[in-house]
Protein backbone atom coordinates (compact mmCIF):
# COMPACT_ATOMS: atom_id res chain seq x y z
CA MET A 1 -0.03 -15.41 28.27
CA SER A 2 1.67 -14.11 25.14
CA GLN A 3 4.13 -17.00 24.96
CA ASN A 4 1.30 -19.47 25.52
CA LEU A 5 -0.60 -17.93 22.60
CA ILE A 6 2.50 -18.05 20.42
CA ASN A 7 2.91 -21.76 21.22
CA GLN A 8 -0.73 -22.46 20.37
CA ILE A 9 -0.45 -20.51 17.10
CA ASN A 10 2.69 -22.41 16.10
CA ASP A 11 0.98 -25.69 16.95
CA LEU A 12 -2.02 -24.83 14.75
CA LYS A 13 0.27 -23.75 11.90
CA LYS A 14 1.98 -27.17 12.00
CA ARG A 15 -1.31 -29.05 11.87
CA LEU A 16 -3.18 -26.99 9.28
CA ASP A 17 -2.74 -26.55 5.52
CA VAL A 18 -2.15 -22.83 6.02
CA THR A 19 0.35 -20.06 5.36
CA VAL A 20 0.40 -16.99 7.60
CA VAL A 21 1.20 -13.81 5.70
CA ALA A 22 2.14 -10.57 7.48
CA HIS A 23 2.69 -7.05 6.15
CA PHE A 24 5.70 -4.97 7.26
CA TYR A 25 3.43 -2.59 9.20
CA GLN A 26 1.99 -5.24 11.51
CA ARG A 27 2.79 -5.26 15.23
CA ASP A 28 6.07 -7.02 15.99
CA GLU A 29 4.50 -10.02 17.69
CA VAL A 30 2.14 -10.60 14.73
CA PHE A 31 4.81 -9.89 12.11
CA GLU A 32 7.07 -12.52 13.71
CA MET A 33 4.37 -15.17 13.16
CA GLY A 34 4.43 -14.62 9.39
CA ASP A 35 5.63 -17.43 7.12
CA ILE A 36 5.73 -14.84 4.34
CA THR A 37 6.42 -11.17 5.10
CA GLY A 38 6.78 -8.14 2.86
CA ASP A 39 4.94 -5.21 1.29
CA SER A 40 1.50 -5.53 -0.31
CA LEU A 41 2.42 -6.58 -3.85
CA GLU A 42 5.29 -8.82 -2.77
CA LEU A 43 2.89 -10.68 -0.48
CA ALA A 44 0.31 -11.16 -3.24
CA LYS A 45 2.95 -12.47 -5.66
CA ARG A 46 4.61 -14.80 -3.15
CA THR A 47 1.29 -16.30 -2.03
CA LEU A 48 0.53 -16.95 -5.71
CA GLU A 49 3.46 -19.39 -5.63
CA ASP A 50 2.49 -20.89 -2.25
CA SER A 51 0.79 -24.27 -2.21
CA SER A 52 -1.26 -23.99 1.00
CA LYS A 53 -5.04 -24.19 0.77
CA PHE A 54 -5.55 -21.38 3.29
CA VAL A 55 -3.84 -18.00 3.45
CA VAL A 56 -4.23 -16.17 6.76
CA PHE A 57 -3.46 -12.58 5.88
CA CYS A 58 -2.36 -10.19 8.63
CA GLY A 59 -2.83 -6.79 7.02
CA VAL A 60 -5.70 -4.70 5.67
CA GLY A 61 -8.62 -5.56 3.42
CA PHE A 62 -7.32 -4.57 -0.02
CA MET A 63 -4.24 -6.75 0.53
CA GLY A 64 -6.32 -9.84 1.26
CA GLN A 65 -8.39 -8.99 -1.82
CA SER A 66 -5.23 -8.81 -3.97
CA VAL A 67 -4.36 -12.37 -2.97
CA LYS A 68 -7.88 -13.57 -3.82
CA ILE A 69 -7.85 -11.69 -7.15
CA LEU A 70 -4.61 -13.37 -8.23
CA SER A 71 -5.27 -16.74 -6.55
CA PRO A 72 -9.03 -17.41 -6.66
CA HIS A 73 -8.52 -21.07 -5.76
CA LYS A 74 -7.09 -20.12 -2.37
CA ARG A 75 -9.20 -19.46 0.70
CA VAL A 76 -8.11 -16.13 2.15
CA ILE A 77 -8.83 -15.51 5.83
CA MET A 78 -8.13 -12.27 7.68
CA PRO A 79 -7.69 -12.37 11.47
CA LYS A 80 -9.15 -8.85 11.50
CA LEU A 81 -11.21 -7.22 8.75
CA ALA A 82 -9.23 -3.98 9.00
CA CYS A 83 -9.56 -1.46 6.20
CA CYS A 84 -6.89 0.96 4.96
CA SER A 85 -8.19 4.51 5.44
CA MET A 86 -6.84 5.56 2.04
CA ALA A 87 -8.59 2.66 0.30
CA ARG A 88 -11.85 3.67 2.00
CA MET A 89 -11.59 7.18 0.53
CA ILE A 90 -12.54 5.91 -2.93
CA ASP A 91 -15.18 3.48 -4.13
CA GLY A 92 -16.78 2.81 -7.50
CA SER A 93 -19.06 5.85 -7.37
CA TYR A 94 -16.23 8.24 -6.42
CA PHE A 95 -14.17 6.79 -9.25
CA GLU A 96 -16.98 7.45 -11.73
CA GLU A 97 -17.39 10.99 -10.36
CA SER A 98 -13.67 11.57 -10.97
CA VAL A 99 -13.99 10.47 -14.58
CA GLU A 100 -17.01 12.75 -14.91
CA ALA A 101 -15.05 15.69 -13.45
CA MET A 102 -12.40 15.22 -16.13
CA VAL A 103 -15.01 15.05 -18.88
CA THR A 104 -16.67 18.21 -17.52
CA ALA A 105 -13.26 19.91 -17.64
CA GLY A 106 -13.05 19.16 -21.35
CA VAL A 107 -11.18 15.84 -21.45
CA ASP A 108 -12.68 13.30 -23.85
CA ILE A 109 -13.52 10.09 -22.00
CA ASP A 110 -11.59 8.08 -24.61
CA ASN A 111 -8.53 10.16 -23.74
CA ILE A 112 -8.54 9.10 -20.06
CA LEU A 113 -6.32 6.27 -18.84
CA PRO A 114 -6.88 5.41 -15.17
CA ILE A 115 -4.21 4.07 -12.85
CA THR A 116 -5.06 2.95 -9.34
CA TYR A 117 -2.59 2.61 -6.52
CA ILE A 118 -2.75 -0.91 -5.10
CA ASN A 119 -4.25 0.69 -1.95
CA SER A 120 -7.78 0.45 -3.37
CA ASN A 121 -10.57 -2.07 -3.21
CA ALA A 122 -11.42 -4.69 -5.83
CA GLU A 123 -14.36 -2.68 -7.19
CA VAL A 124 -12.11 0.28 -8.04
CA LYS A 125 -9.46 -1.99 -9.58
CA ALA A 126 -12.16 -3.61 -11.73
CA LYS A 127 -13.44 -0.26 -13.00
CA VAL A 128 -9.87 0.75 -13.83
CA GLY A 129 -9.34 -2.53 -15.67
CA LYS A 130 -12.50 -2.03 -17.74
CA MET A 131 -11.26 1.40 -18.86
CA GLY A 132 -7.96 -0.04 -20.09
CA GLY A 133 -6.04 1.03 -17.00
CA MET A 134 -3.81 -0.73 -14.52
CA VAL A 135 -2.64 -0.97 -10.93
CA CYS A 136 0.64 0.40 -9.57
CA THR A 137 2.59 0.24 -6.33
CA SER A 138 4.78 2.89 -4.74
CA SER A 139 7.87 1.09 -6.04
CA ASN A 140 6.76 0.86 -9.69
CA ALA A 141 4.43 3.88 -10.07
CA LYS A 142 6.93 5.79 -12.22
CA ILE A 143 7.42 2.81 -14.56
CA ILE A 144 3.67 2.29 -14.86
CA ILE A 145 2.95 5.97 -15.56
CA GLU A 146 5.77 6.17 -18.12
CA ALA A 147 4.26 3.22 -19.97
CA ALA A 148 0.75 4.65 -19.73
CA LEU A 149 1.78 8.06 -21.09
CA LYS A 150 3.04 6.39 -24.26
CA GLU A 151 -0.62 5.95 -25.20
CA GLY A 152 -0.88 9.75 -25.40
CA LYS A 153 -3.69 9.96 -22.88
CA LYS A 154 -4.27 11.88 -19.67
CA ILE A 155 -3.70 9.88 -16.49
CA LEU A 156 -6.42 9.67 -13.85
CA PHE A 157 -4.50 8.63 -10.73
CA VAL A 158 -6.43 7.28 -7.73
CA PRO A 159 -6.62 7.38 -4.76
CA ASP A 160 -3.36 8.90 -3.40
CA ARG A 161 -2.80 12.47 -4.55
CA CYS A 162 0.66 12.62 -2.94
CA LEU A 163 2.05 9.63 -4.83
CA GLY A 164 0.59 10.98 -8.07
CA GLN A 165 1.98 14.47 -7.47
CA ASN A 166 5.41 13.16 -6.47
CA ILE A 167 5.70 11.03 -9.62
CA ALA A 168 4.63 14.00 -11.74
CA ILE A 169 7.37 16.13 -10.15
CA GLN A 170 9.98 13.39 -10.76
CA MET A 171 8.98 13.20 -14.42
CA GLY A 172 8.71 16.95 -14.98
CA LEU A 173 4.97 16.70 -15.65
CA LYS A 174 2.06 18.86 -14.56
CA SER A 175 -0.43 17.47 -12.04
CA ALA A 176 -3.82 18.61 -10.81
CA VAL A 177 -6.01 17.43 -7.92
CA ILE A 178 -9.73 17.07 -8.55
CA GLY A 179 -11.67 19.54 -6.43
CA ILE A 180 -8.55 21.50 -5.43
CA ASP A 181 -6.70 22.45 -8.60
CA GLY A 182 -9.18 23.37 -11.32
CA ASP A 183 -6.71 23.27 -14.21
CA ILE A 184 -7.49 19.68 -15.14
CA ALA A 185 -7.49 20.22 -18.90
CA SER A 186 -3.81 21.24 -19.03
CA ALA A 187 -2.50 18.65 -16.54
CA ASP A 188 -0.81 15.38 -17.49
CA ILE A 189 -1.68 13.52 -14.27
CA ILE A 190 -5.02 14.24 -12.63
CA CYS A 191 -5.18 13.00 -9.03
CA PHE A 192 -8.04 11.99 -6.79
CA ASP A 193 -7.92 13.80 -3.45
CA GLY A 194 -6.98 10.81 -1.28
CA PHE A 195 -4.08 10.38 1.12
CA CYS A 196 -2.46 8.19 3.78
CA SER A 197 -3.30 9.41 7.28
CA VAL A 198 0.04 8.14 8.64
CA HIS A 199 2.30 9.65 5.99
CA GLN A 200 0.49 12.99 6.30
CA LEU A 201 1.98 13.28 9.81
CA PHE A 202 5.46 14.09 8.51
CA SER A 203 6.30 17.72 7.84
CA VAL A 204 9.09 19.96 6.57
CA ASP A 205 9.43 21.24 10.15
CA ASP A 206 10.24 17.70 11.28
CA ILE A 207 13.00 17.49 8.68
CA GLU A 208 14.46 20.85 9.70
CA PHE A 209 14.39 19.79 13.36
CA TYR A 210 16.47 16.67 12.69
CA ARG A 211 18.88 18.43 10.34
CA GLN A 212 19.58 21.04 13.03
CA LYS A 213 19.94 18.43 15.77
CA TYR A 214 22.17 15.93 13.92
CA ASP A 215 24.74 17.14 11.43
CA GLY A 216 24.79 15.02 8.28
CA ILE A 217 21.66 13.01 9.12
CA LYS A 218 19.91 11.28 6.21
CA ILE A 219 16.19 11.88 5.74
CA VAL A 220 14.29 8.96 4.20
CA VAL A 221 10.57 9.12 3.37
CA HIS A 222 7.81 7.23 1.59
CA PRO A 223 6.27 8.77 -1.58
CA GLU A 224 2.88 8.85 0.18
CA CYS A 225 4.29 11.87 2.06
CA ASP A 226 3.46 15.41 0.98
CA PRO A 227 5.49 16.60 -2.04
CA ALA A 228 7.07 19.37 0.07
CA VAL A 229 8.41 16.70 2.46
CA CYS A 230 9.68 14.48 -0.37
CA ALA A 231 11.46 17.48 -1.94
CA LYS A 232 13.52 17.95 1.25
CA ALA A 233 14.43 14.27 1.71
CA ASP A 234 17.68 12.50 0.80
CA PHE A 235 15.84 9.39 -0.35
CA VAL A 236 12.23 8.72 -1.35
CA GLY A 237 11.12 5.14 -1.83
CA SER A 238 8.62 2.36 -1.22
CA THR A 239 8.69 0.26 1.93
CA SER A 240 11.00 -2.35 0.36
CA GLN A 241 13.20 0.35 -1.17
CA ILE A 242 13.51 2.12 2.20
CA ILE A 243 14.59 -1.14 3.85
CA SER A 244 17.22 -1.78 1.17
CA TYR A 245 18.54 1.80 1.28
CA ILE A 246 18.96 1.80 5.06
CA LYS A 247 20.63 -1.63 5.04
CA GLU A 248 23.35 -0.15 2.84
CA LEU A 249 24.07 2.75 5.23
CA ASP A 250 27.00 2.67 7.63
CA GLU A 251 25.82 1.72 11.13
CA GLU A 252 27.05 5.05 12.46
CA GLN A 253 25.07 7.02 9.88
CA LYS A 254 22.11 8.66 11.55
CA VAL A 255 18.82 8.46 9.64
CA ALA A 256 15.31 9.79 10.27
CA VAL A 257 12.58 7.82 8.54
CA GLY A 258 9.13 9.02 7.50
CA THR A 259 6.95 5.94 7.40
CA GLU A 260 4.95 3.63 9.69
CA PHE A 261 6.40 3.17 13.20
CA ASN A 262 6.43 -0.64 13.38
CA LEU A 263 8.63 -0.84 10.29
CA VAL A 264 10.97 1.94 11.43
CA ASN A 265 11.32 0.33 14.84
CA ARG A 266 12.60 -2.89 13.24
CA LEU A 267 15.07 -1.32 10.80
CA ARG A 268 18.20 -0.89 12.94
CA ASP A 269 19.21 -1.10 16.60
CA LYS A 270 20.70 2.39 16.71
CA ASN A 271 20.96 5.76 14.93
CA THR A 272 17.44 5.43 13.47
CA PHE A 273 14.75 7.96 14.33
CA VAL A 274 11.07 8.37 13.50
CA LEU A 275 10.54 11.57 11.50
CA SER A 276 7.67 12.81 13.66
CA SER A 277 6.95 14.32 17.05
CA THR A 278 4.11 11.80 17.41
CA LYS A 279 4.17 8.02 17.01
CA PRO A 280 3.15 7.34 13.38
CA GLU A 281 1.27 4.09 13.82
CA CYS A 282 -1.27 2.97 11.24
CA PRO A 283 -4.40 2.38 13.34
CA THR A 284 -5.87 -0.24 11.03
CA MET A 285 -2.60 -2.13 10.55
CA ASN A 286 -2.31 -2.29 14.33
CA GLU A 287 -5.78 -3.74 14.83
CA THR A 288 -4.63 -7.34 14.32
CA THR A 289 -3.49 -9.04 17.54
CA LEU A 290 -2.05 -12.45 18.40
CA GLN A 291 -5.46 -13.40 19.77
CA ASP A 292 -7.05 -12.52 16.43
CA LEU A 293 -4.49 -14.66 14.62
CA TYR A 294 -5.13 -17.57 16.99
CA ASP A 295 -8.91 -17.21 16.56
CA ALA A 296 -8.57 -17.24 12.76
CA LEU A 297 -6.44 -20.37 12.79
CA LYS A 298 -8.75 -22.09 15.30
CA SER A 299 -11.76 -21.28 13.10
CA ILE A 300 -10.05 -23.12 10.23
CA GLU A 301 -9.40 -26.11 12.47
CA ASP A 302 -13.06 -26.05 13.54
CA ASN A 303 -14.09 -26.04 9.86
CA ASN A 304 -15.85 -22.70 10.28
CA PRO A 305 -13.42 -20.09 8.88
CA ILE A 306 -14.04 -16.48 9.91
CA ASN A 307 -13.50 -13.25 7.95
CA GLU A 308 -13.08 -15.00 4.62
CA ILE A 309 -12.44 -12.77 1.60
CA GLU A 310 -15.01 -13.24 -1.17
CA ILE A 311 -15.10 -11.27 -4.44
CA ASP A 312 -17.78 -11.30 -7.11
CA GLU A 313 -16.31 -13.18 -10.09
CA GLN A 314 -16.86 -10.40 -12.64
CA THR A 315 -15.24 -7.89 -10.30
CA ARG A 316 -12.35 -10.29 -9.70
CA ILE A 317 -11.78 -10.88 -13.42
CA TRP A 318 -11.58 -7.16 -14.29
CA ALA A 319 -9.50 -6.36 -11.19
CA LYS A 320 -7.11 -9.13 -12.26
CA VAL A 321 -6.87 -7.54 -15.72
CA ALA A 322 -5.68 -4.31 -14.09
CA LEU A 323 -3.20 -6.19 -11.88
CA ASP A 324 -1.94 -8.34 -14.76
CA ARG A 325 -1.22 -5.28 -16.88
CA MET A 326 1.05 -4.05 -14.11
CA LEU A 327 2.74 -7.42 -13.64
CA GLU A 328 3.45 -7.64 -17.38
CA LEU A 329 5.44 -4.40 -17.11
């Protein structure tokens, strides 16, 4: 059945003006169908250069939105309207409440510069853009924050507190988390209390377990992990940076990796371990199946596309402003 579906999908791809895009965290069988694969920003940038009329995006909602924001002329279809749990933690009203919390703590609104992690919806990106802020990814967050701090303002970082805290630690800055750490007025980076449910699974105990079991093992984690976990790791980096780092390791070098299971499982044939006692699968990234991909492609052939990404034009324009500011850096 699976091979038959794969054949039908490949046949539809040949006949349609379509590019299938798949994120690193997708199931293997879906990932292998991707014409373009990568992390969220890489996919948005590469589809910007793609000439196909339709983009079928195998990932989560904010990623499909990023393609539509940067390439409004393209029709973006998602086999499954899955939504990143972190992105769902913040919307426009929560963003405004965060700004208000900073003002209440004594920070002048004109002294706030917001930065949103790319794991946020178009509405949040647009509000950030309107306030003079920008988007960042896990690979460029430090560069973006360094540039932002040159304006002499306090950074409101949404939605991932761990990424914001980890960058603050790297830069020797003080961070605070709204609703948890009340010392907002003296902090340089003020974080929204959001997080990645998958990267929260990894703990210092997991690291100690692997270090005791395998002498000389390398610990590699994503900056969405808790700061205490990142502090104990040998390497902290984005998805693409993790892939590059591990490719450079000797094949005999043992490594335990703290990120999504599907990616870890594809990294190397041996000496690679998942840094968790449970299987760290992103539930929403794993929602998309081969059947969903087939159904999406068939809907295009039938001239009745399903799950098409639409964004209000004003929202798209301001969200693009925030993305463009990042791309310029």
